[in-house]
Structures are given as C-alpha cells and as structure tokens.
Amino acid sequence: MRSNVGLESWMFLNYISLIYYYRIYQKLVMKKLLDRYSVSDVLLHLSKIRRARVSGHWMDLEKPKQARMLCEKLGIHIT
C-alpha cells in the first residue's frame, strides 16, 4: 500500500466482502444447499447476470437459467 488511506480503503473493502460472504454462506446453510453449492459457485453464477443501458434507461438482460434457479432457491431478488 502506498498510503494509509489506501490501506484503510483496502481493509474496509475486505471487511464488507467478508460480511457478504458469510451472509451468502448463512443463506446456503439455512436453505440446506451447502452440499450442492459453495459461496464461490453462487458468486460465479450471479456474476453472469447483466444489465445494459438502452436509450438512457437500465434494462435487465436475460438471466442465465442456472442463476435464475439459484436465486429462486435462495429466495433472493436481483433487480
């Protein structure tokens, strides 16, 4: 790190990432999906959801089937 501000920013982002990691992990445990999916799998599938800006408005592109099914199983809504 080149400065204290950079180090603090990096630490803050890691802290926020860790919170979200364990929220996803907790959802997998609650829904009994941990034997099928890992947190990395969930993040990989959700990273394929895309949005595009068309004529000044944001539109959701078609969600991949695997990501859509995973969202339904976990009970999360991506908008």
PDB file of N, CA and C in Angstrom:
ATOM      1  N   MET A   1       0.837  -1.166   0.000  1.00  0.00           N
ATOM      2  CA  MET A   1       0.000   0.000   0.000  1.00  0.00           C
ATOM      3  C   MET A   1       0.888   1.236   0.000  1.00  0.00           C
ATOM      4  N   ARG A   2       0.472   2.225  -0.738  1.00  0.00           N
ATOM      5  CA  ARG A   2       1.282   3.432  -0.866  1.00  0.00           C
ATOM      6  C   ARG A   2       0.972   4.492   0.185  1.00  0.00           C
ATOM      7  N   SER A   3      -0.200   4.399   0.796  1.00  0.00           N
ATOM      8  CA  SER A   3      -0.556   5.396   1.813  1.00  0.00           C
ATOM      9  C   SER A   3      -1.493   4.763   2.840  1.00  0.00           C
ATOM     10  N   ASN A   4      -1.665   5.464   3.932  1.00  0.00           N
ATOM     11  CA  ASN A   4      -2.587   4.979   4.958  1.00  0.00           C
ATOM     12  C   ASN A   4      -4.028   4.946   4.447  1.00  0.00           C
ATOM     13  N   VAL A   5      -4.382   5.916   3.629  1.00  0.00           N
ATOM     14  CA  VAL A   5      -5.741   5.962   3.072  1.00  0.00           C
ATOM     15  C   VAL A   5      -5.982   4.743   2.181  1.00  0.00           C
ATOM     16  N   GLY A   6      -5.001   4.399   1.380  1.00  0.00           N
ATOM     17  CA  GLY A   6      -5.128   3.219   0.522  1.00  0.00           C
ATOM     18  C   GLY A   6      -5.262   1.941   1.330  1.00  0.00           C
ATOM     19  N   LEU A   7      -4.482   1.833   2.395  1.00  0.00           N
ATOM     20  CA  LEU A   7      -4.544   0.665   3.260  1.00  0.00           C
ATOM     21  C   LEU A   7      -5.889   0.577   3.967  1.00  0.00           C
ATOM     22  N   GLU A   8      -6.378   1.694   4.479  1.00  0.00           N
ATOM     23  CA  GLU A   8      -7.675   1.699   5.156  1.00  0.00           C
ATOM     24  C   GLU A   8      -8.801   1.369   4.185  1.00  0.00           C
ATOM     25  N   SER A   9      -8.717   1.862   2.972  1.00  0.00           N
ATOM     26  CA  SER A   9      -9.736   1.551   1.955  1.00  0.00           C
ATOM     27  C   SER A   9      -9.737   0.066   1.637  1.00  0.00           C
ATOM     28  N   TRP A  10      -8.557  -0.490   1.470  1.00  0.00           N
ATOM     29  CA  TRP A  10      -8.420  -1.908   1.171  1.00  0.00           C
ATOM     30  C   TRP A  10      -8.989  -2.753   2.307  1.00  0.00           C
ATOM     31  N   MET A  11      -8.668  -2.383   3.545  1.00  0.00           N
ATOM     32  CA  MET A  11      -9.174  -3.113   4.700  1.00  0.00           C
ATOM     33  C   MET A  11     -10.696  -3.004   4.805  1.00  0.00           C
ATOM     34  N   PHE A  12     -11.243  -1.837   4.530  1.00  0.00           N
ATOM     35  CA  PHE A  12     -12.693  -1.636   4.581  1.00  0.00           C
ATOM     36  C   PHE A  12     -13.396  -2.501   3.535  1.00  0.00           C
ATOM     37  N   LEU A  13     -12.883  -2.521   2.319  1.00  0.00           N
ATOM     38  CA  LEU A  13     -13.491  -3.329   1.265  1.00  0.00           C
ATOM     39  C   LEU A  13     -13.410  -4.820   1.589  1.00  0.00           C
ATOM     40  N   ASN A  14     -12.306  -5.251   2.172  1.00  0.00           N
ATOM     41  CA  ASN A  14     -12.195  -6.647   2.585  1.00  0.00           C
ATOM     42  C   ASN A  14     -13.200  -6.978   3.682  1.00  0.00           C
ATOM     43  N   TYR A  15     -13.413  -6.055   4.588  1.00  0.00           N
ATOM     44  CA  TYR A  15     -14.378  -6.250   5.663  1.00  0.00           C
ATOM     45  C   TYR A  15     -15.801  -6.382   5.103  1.00  0.00           C
ATOM     46  N   ILE A  16     -16.175  -5.503   4.189  1.00  0.00           N
ATOM     47  CA  ILE A  16     -17.501  -5.568   3.567  1.00  0.00           C
ATOM     48  C   ILE A  16     -17.660  -6.871   2.778  1.00  0.00           C
ATOM     49  N   SER A  17     -16.624  -7.269   2.068  1.00  0.00           N
ATOM     50  CA  SER A  17     -16.664  -8.523   1.308  1.00  0.00           C
ATOM     51  C   SER A  17     -16.860  -9.718   2.221  1.00  0.00           C
ATOM     52  N   LEU A  18     -16.198  -9.706   3.356  1.00  0.00           N
ATOM     53  CA  LEU A  18     -16.326 -10.801   4.316  1.00  0.00           C
ATOM     54  C   LEU A  18     -17.738 -10.881   4.880  1.00  0.00           C
ATOM     55  N   ILE A  19     -18.340  -9.740   5.138  1.00  0.00           N
ATOM     56  CA  ILE A  19     -19.725  -9.715   5.629  1.00  0.00           C
ATOM     57  C   ILE A  19     -20.656 -10.345   4.601  1.00  0.00           C
ATOM     58  N   TYR A  20     -20.526  -9.959   3.340  1.00  0.00           N
ATOM     59  CA  TYR A  20     -21.388 -10.520   2.305  1.00  0.00           C
ATOM     60  C   TYR A  20     -21.112 -12.004   2.074  1.00  0.00           C
ATOM     61  N   TYR A  21     -19.855 -12.410   2.171  1.00  0.00           N
ATOM     62  CA  TYR A  21     -19.503 -13.818   2.014  1.00  0.00           C
ATOM     63  C   TYR A  21     -20.260 -14.658   3.031  1.00  0.00           C
ATOM     64  N   TYR A  22     -20.241 -14.223   4.286  1.00  0.00           N
ATOM     65  CA  TYR A  22     -20.900 -15.008   5.323  1.00  0.00           C
ATOM     66  C   TYR A  22     -22.417 -14.876   5.285  1.00  0.00           C
ATOM     67  N   ARG A  23     -22.959 -13.834   4.724  1.00  0.00           N
ATOM     68  CA  ARG A  23     -24.412 -13.759   4.516  1.00  0.00           C
ATOM     69  C   ARG A  23     -24.844 -14.791   3.481  1.00  0.00           C
ATOM     70  N   ILE A  24     -24.069 -14.924   2.419  1.00  0.00           N
ATOM     71  CA  ILE A  24     -24.375 -15.933   1.403  1.00  0.00           C
ATOM     72  C   ILE A  24     -24.224 -17.323   2.018  1.00  0.00           C
ATOM     73  N   TYR A  25     -23.161 -17.522   2.778  1.00  0.00           N
ATOM     74  CA  TYR A  25     -22.928 -18.808   3.440  1.00  0.00           C
ATOM     75  C   TYR A  25     -24.100 -19.153   4.365  1.00  0.00           C
ATOM     76  N   GLN A  26     -24.575 -18.191   5.118  1.00  0.00           N
ATOM     77  CA  GLN A  26     -25.694 -18.401   6.033  1.00  0.00           C
ATOM     78  C   GLN A  26     -26.961 -18.785   5.270  1.00  0.00           C
ATOM     79  N   LYS A  27     -27.217 -18.135   4.132  1.00  0.00           N
ATOM     80  CA  LYS A  27     -28.390 -18.489   3.316  1.00  0.00           C
ATOM     81  C   LYS A  27     -28.277 -19.917   2.806  1.00  0.00           C
ATOM     82  N   LEU A  28     -27.071 -20.316   2.387  1.00  0.00           N
ATOM     83  CA  LEU A  28     -26.872 -21.679   1.905  1.00  0.00           C
ATOM     84  C   LEU A  28     -27.129 -22.696   3.019  1.00  0.00           C
ATOM     85  N   VAL A  29     -26.695 -22.382   4.221  1.00  0.00           N
ATOM     86  CA  VAL A  29     -26.928 -23.284   5.353  1.00  0.00           C
ATOM     87  C   VAL A  29     -28.411 -23.342   5.684  1.00  0.00           C
ATOM     88  N   MET A  30     -29.079 -22.185   5.732  1.00  0.00           N
ATOM     89  CA  MET A  30     -30.499 -22.143   6.082  1.00  0.00           C
ATOM     90  C   MET A  30     -31.358 -22.905   5.073  1.00  0.00           C
ATOM     91  N   LYS A  31     -31.020 -22.814   3.793  1.00  0.00           N
ATOM     92  CA  LYS A  31     -31.800 -23.482   2.739  1.00  0.00           C
ATOM     93  C   LYS A  31     -31.308 -24.905   2.471  1.00  0.00           C
ATOM     94  N   LYS A  32     -30.305 -25.355   3.237  1.00  0.00           N
ATOM     95  CA  LYS A  32     -29.726 -26.700   3.097  1.00  0.00           C
ATOM     96  C   LYS A  32     -29.198 -26.946   1.677  1.00  0.00           C
ATOM     97  N   LEU A  33     -28.514 -25.949   1.146  1.00  0.00           N
ATOM     98  CA  LEU A  33     -27.940 -26.053  -0.199  1.00  0.00           C
ATOM     99  C   LEU A  33     -26.419 -26.105  -0.175  1.00  0.00           C
ATOM    100  N   LEU A  34     -25.840 -26.163   1.009  1.00  0.00           N
ATOM    101  CA  LEU A  34     -24.389 -26.118   1.124  1.00  0.00           C
ATOM    102  C   LEU A  34     -23.724 -27.358   0.540  1.00  0.00           C
ATOM    103  N   ASP A  35     -24.434 -28.470   0.494  1.00  0.00           N
ATOM    104  CA  ASP A  35     -23.841 -29.672  -0.097  1.00  0.00           C
ATOM    105  C   ASP A  35     -23.818 -29.610  -1.620  1.00  0.00           C
ATOM    106  N   ARG A  36     -24.624 -28.735  -2.214  1.00  0.00           N
ATOM    107  CA  ARG A  36     -24.653 -28.590  -3.680  1.00  0.00           C
ATOM    108  C   ARG A  36     -23.865 -27.394  -4.188  1.00  0.00           C
ATOM    109  N   TYR A  37     -23.871 -26.301  -3.416  1.00  0.00           N
ATOM    110  CA  TYR A  37     -23.246 -25.060  -3.855  1.00  0.00           C
ATOM    111  C   TYR A  37     -22.278 -24.549  -2.802  1.00  0.00           C
ATOM    112  N   SER A  38     -21.230 -23.911  -3.262  1.00  0.00           N
ATOM    113  CA  SER A  38     -20.346 -23.185  -2.360  1.00  0.00           C
ATOM    114  C   SER A  38     -20.593 -21.695  -2.577  1.00  0.00           C
ATOM    115  N   VAL A  39     -20.030 -20.887  -1.723  1.00  0.00           N
ATOM    116  CA  VAL A  39     -20.188 -19.437  -1.887  1.00  0.00           C
ATOM    117  C   VAL A  39     -19.565 -19.000  -3.209  1.00  0.00           C
ATOM    118  N   SER A  40     -18.456 -19.604  -3.577  1.00  0.00           N
ATOM    119  CA  SER A  40     -17.812 -19.275  -4.858  1.00  0.00           C
ATOM    120  C   SER A  40     -18.726 -19.608  -6.037  1.00  0.00           C
ATOM    121  N   ASP A  41     -19.443 -20.733  -5.949  1.00  0.00           N
ATOM    122  CA  ASP A  41     -20.392 -21.104  -7.006  1.00  0.00           C
ATOM    123  C   ASP A  41     -21.492 -20.061  -7.136  1.00  0.00           C
ATOM    124  N   VAL A  42     -22.029 -19.632  -5.992  1.00  0.00           N
ATOM    125  CA  VAL A  42     -23.101 -18.631  -6.001  1.00  0.00           C
ATOM    126  C   VAL A  42     -22.602 -17.343  -6.641  1.00  0.00           C
ATOM    127  N   LEU A  43     -21.425 -16.893  -6.243  1.00  0.00           N
ATOM    128  CA  LEU A  43     -20.878 -15.653  -6.800  1.00  0.00           C
ATOM    129  C   LEU A  43     -20.601 -15.791  -8.295  1.00  0.00           C
ATOM    130  N   LEU A  44     -20.137 -16.957  -8.712  1.00  0.00           N
ATOM    131  CA  LEU A  44     -19.875 -17.183 -10.132  1.00  0.00           C
ATOM    132  C   LEU A  44     -21.174 -17.125 -10.937  1.00  0.00           C
ATOM    133  N   HIS A  45     -22.225 -17.788 -10.455  1.00  0.00           N
ATOM    134  CA  HIS A  45     -23.500 -17.782 -11.185  1.00  0.00           C
ATOM    135  C   HIS A  45     -24.133 -16.391 -11.190  1.00  0.00           C
ATOM    136  N   LEU A  46     -24.071 -15.688 -10.063  1.00  0.00           N
ATOM    137  CA  LEU A  46     -24.680 -14.359 -10.005  1.00  0.00           C
ATOM    138  C   LEU A  46     -23.888 -13.324 -10.785  1.00  0.00           C
ATOM    139  N   SER A  47     -22.607 -13.574 -11.016  1.00  0.00           N
ATOM    140  CA  SER A  47     -21.803 -12.620 -11.782  1.00  0.00           C
ATOM    141  C   SER A  47     -22.186 -12.604 -13.258  1.00  0.00           C
ATOM    142  N   LYS A  48     -22.939 -13.597 -13.694  1.00  0.00           N
ATOM    143  CA  LYS A  48     -23.342 -13.674 -15.098  1.00  0.00           C
ATOM    144  C   LYS A  48     -24.624 -12.907 -15.388  1.00  0.00           C
ATOM    145  N   ILE A  49     -25.233 -12.325 -14.363  1.00  0.00           N
ATOM    146  CA  ILE A  49     -26.424 -11.503 -14.561  1.00  0.00           C
ATOM    147  C   ILE A  49     -25.975 -10.131 -15.041  1.00  0.00           C
ATOM    148  N   ARG A  50     -26.521  -9.675 -16.123  1.00  0.00           N
ATOM    149  CA  ARG A  50     -26.075  -8.435 -16.769  1.00  0.00           C
ATOM    150  C   ARG A  50     -27.199  -7.422 -16.895  1.00  0.00           C
ATOM    151  N   ARG A  51     -26.816  -6.148 -16.964  1.00  0.00           N
ATOM    152  CA  ARG A  51     -27.735  -5.042 -17.244  1.00  0.00           C
ATOM    153  C   ARG A  51     -27.113  -4.206 -18.361  1.00  0.00           C
ATOM    154  N   ALA A  52     -27.970  -3.576 -19.139  1.00  0.00           N
ATOM    155  CA  ALA A  52     -27.497  -2.735 -20.231  1.00  0.00           C
ATOM    156  C   ALA A  52     -28.250  -1.409 -20.207  1.00  0.00           C
ATOM    157  N   ARG A  53     -27.582  -0.373 -20.601  1.00  0.00           N
ATOM    158  CA  ARG A  53     -28.209   0.945 -20.676  1.00  0.00           C
ATOM    159  C   ARG A  53     -28.658   1.168 -22.110  1.00  0.00           C
ATOM    160  N   VAL A  54     -29.981   1.294 -22.290  1.00  0.00           N
ATOM    161  CA  VAL A  54     -30.572   1.475 -23.611  1.00  0.00           C
ATOM    162  C   VAL A  54     -31.410   2.745 -23.575  1.00  0.00           C
ATOM    163  N   SER A  55     -31.082   3.685 -24.420  1.00  0.00           N
ATOM    164  CA  SER A  55     -31.819   4.956 -24.520  1.00  0.00           C
ATOM    165  C   SER A  55     -31.930   5.652 -23.163  1.00  0.00           C
ATOM    166  N   GLY A  56     -30.875   5.601 -22.392  1.00  0.00           N
ATOM    167  CA  GLY A  56     -30.852   6.291 -21.113  1.00  0.00           C
ATOM    168  C   GLY A  56     -31.503   5.546 -19.963  1.00  0.00           C
ATOM    169  N   HIS A  57     -32.007   4.327 -20.209  1.00  0.00           N
ATOM    170  CA  HIS A  57     -32.639   3.541 -19.154  1.00  0.00           C
ATOM    171  C   HIS A  57     -31.894   2.218 -18.988  1.00  0.00           C
ATOM    172  N   TRP A  58     -31.817   1.750 -17.751  1.00  0.00           N
ATOM    173  CA  TRP A  58     -31.186   0.463 -17.477  1.00  0.00           C
ATOM    174  C   TRP A  58     -32.200  -0.654 -17.657  1.00  0.00           C
ATOM    175  N   MET A  59     -31.785  -1.682 -18.396  1.00  0.00           N
ATOM    176  CA  MET A  59     -32.640  -2.840 -18.637  1.00  0.00           C
ATOM    177  C   MET A  59     -31.898  -4.096 -18.205  1.00  0.00           C
ATOM    178  N   ASP A  60     -32.641  -5.025 -17.584  1.00  0.00           N
ATOM    179  CA  ASP A  60     -32.053  -6.317 -17.252  1.00  0.00           C
ATOM    180  C   ASP A  60     -31.994  -7.156 -18.515  1.00  0.00           C
ATOM    181  N   LEU A  61     -30.838  -7.747 -18.769  1.00  0.00           N
ATOM    182  CA  LEU A  61     -30.731  -8.686 -19.872  1.00  0.00           C
ATOM    183  C   LEU A  61     -31.209 -10.044 -19.376  1.00  0.00           C
ATOM    184  N   GLU A  62     -31.348 -10.974 -20.289  1.00  0.00           N
ATOM    185  CA  GLU A  62     -31.850 -12.285 -19.900  1.00  0.00           C
ATOM    186  C   GLU A  62     -30.906 -12.933 -18.894  1.00  0.00           C
ATOM    187  N   LYS A  63     -31.487 -13.408 -17.799  1.00  0.00           N
ATOM    188  CA  LYS A  63     -30.694 -14.064 -16.764  1.00  0.00           C
ATOM    189  C   LYS A  63     -30.441 -15.513 -17.178  1.00  0.00           C
ATOM    190  N   PRO A  64     -29.227 -15.998 -16.978  1.00  0.00           N
ATOM    191  CA  PRO A  64     -28.976 -17.417 -17.260  1.00  0.00           C
ATOM    192  C   PRO A  64     -29.857 -18.298 -16.380  1.00  0.00           C
ATOM    193  N   LYS A  65     -30.242 -19.448 -16.905  1.00  0.00           N
ATOM    194  CA  LYS A  65     -31.157 -20.342 -16.203  1.00  0.00           C
ATOM    195  C   LYS A  65     -30.604 -20.752 -14.843  1.00  0.00           C
ATOM    196  N   GLN A  66     -29.316 -21.070 -14.791  1.00  0.00           N
ATOM    197  CA  GLN A  66     -28.702 -21.507 -13.537  1.00  0.00           C
ATOM    198  C   GLN A  66     -28.770 -20.404 -12.481  1.00  0.00           C
ATOM    199  N   ALA A  67     -28.518 -19.162 -12.888  1.00  0.00           N
ATOM    200  CA  ALA A  67     -28.574 -18.040 -11.951  1.00  0.00           C
ATOM    201  C   ALA A  67     -30.010 -17.794 -11.495  1.00  0.00           C
ATOM    202  N   ARG A  68     -30.951 -17.896 -12.401  1.00  0.00           N
ATOM    203  CA  ARG A  68     -32.363 -17.694 -12.067  1.00  0.00           C
ATOM    204  C   ARG A  68     -32.850 -18.762 -11.079  1.00  0.00           C
ATOM    205  N   MET A  69     -32.475 -20.017 -11.313  1.00  0.00           N
ATOM    206  CA  MET A  69     -32.879 -21.097 -10.412  1.00  0.00           C
ATOM    207  C   MET A  69     -32.227 -20.936  -9.036  1.00  0.00           C
ATOM    208  N   LEU A  70     -30.985 -20.516  -9.014  1.00  0.00           N
ATOM    209  CA  LEU A  70     -30.277 -20.317  -7.752  1.00  0.00           C
ATOM    210  C   LEU A  70     -30.906 -19.187  -6.942  1.00  0.00           C
ATOM    211  N   CYS A  71     -31.305 -18.114  -7.611  1.00  0.00           N
ATOM    212  CA  CYS A  71     -31.984 -17.005  -6.933  1.00  0.00           C
ATOM    213  C   CYS A  71     -33.306 -17.473  -6.326  1.00  0.00           C
ATOM    214  N   GLU A  72     -34.038 -18.303  -7.046  1.00  0.00           N
ATOM    215  CA  GLU A  72     -35.303 -18.832  -6.532  1.00  0.00           C
ATOM    216  C   GLU A  72     -35.074 -19.734  -5.321  1.00  0.00           C
ATOM    217  N   LYS A  73     -34.069 -20.595  -5.391  1.00  0.00           N
ATOM    218  CA  LYS A  73     -33.783 -21.495  -4.283  1.00  0.00           C
ATOM    219  C   LYS A  73     -33.351 -20.732  -3.031  1.00  0.00           C
ATOM    220  N   LEU A  74     -32.553 -19.689  -3.218  1.00  0.00           N
ATOM    221  CA  LEU A  74     -32.058 -18.923  -2.076  1.00  0.00           C
ATOM    222  C   LEU A  74     -33.057 -17.874  -1.594  1.00  0.00           C
ATOM    223  N   GLY A  75     -34.053 -17.597  -2.418  1.00  0.00           N
ATOM    224  CA  GLY A  75     -35.064 -16.598  -2.029  1.00  0.00           C
ATOM    225  C   GLY A  75     -34.529 -15.190  -2.106  1.00  0.00           C
ATOM    226  N   ILE A  76     -33.675 -14.914  -3.070  1.00  0.00           N
ATOM    227  CA  ILE A  76     -33.153 -13.554  -3.245  1.00  0.00           C
ATOM    228  C   ILE A  76     -33.700 -12.979  -4.541  1.00  0.00           C
ATOM    229  N   HIS A  77     -33.811 -11.668  -4.575  1.00  0.00           N
ATOM    230  CA  HIS A  77     -34.336 -10.975  -5.746  1.00  0.00           C
ATOM    231  C   HIS A  77     -33.268 -10.032  -6.259  1.00  0.00           C
ATOM    232  N   ILE A  78     -32.868 -10.218  -7.486  1.00  0.00           N
ATOM    233  CA  ILE A  78     -31.888  -9.344  -8.122  1.00  0.00           C
ATOM    234  C   ILE A  78     -32.653  -8.413  -9.045  1.00  0.00           C
ATOM    235  N   THR A  79     -32.593  -7.127  -8.757  1.00  0.00           N
ATOM    236  CA  THR A  79     -33.277  -6.157  -9.619  1.00  0.00           C
ATOM    237  C   THR A  79     -32.304  -5.159 -10.157  1.00  0.00           C
TER     238      THR A  79
END
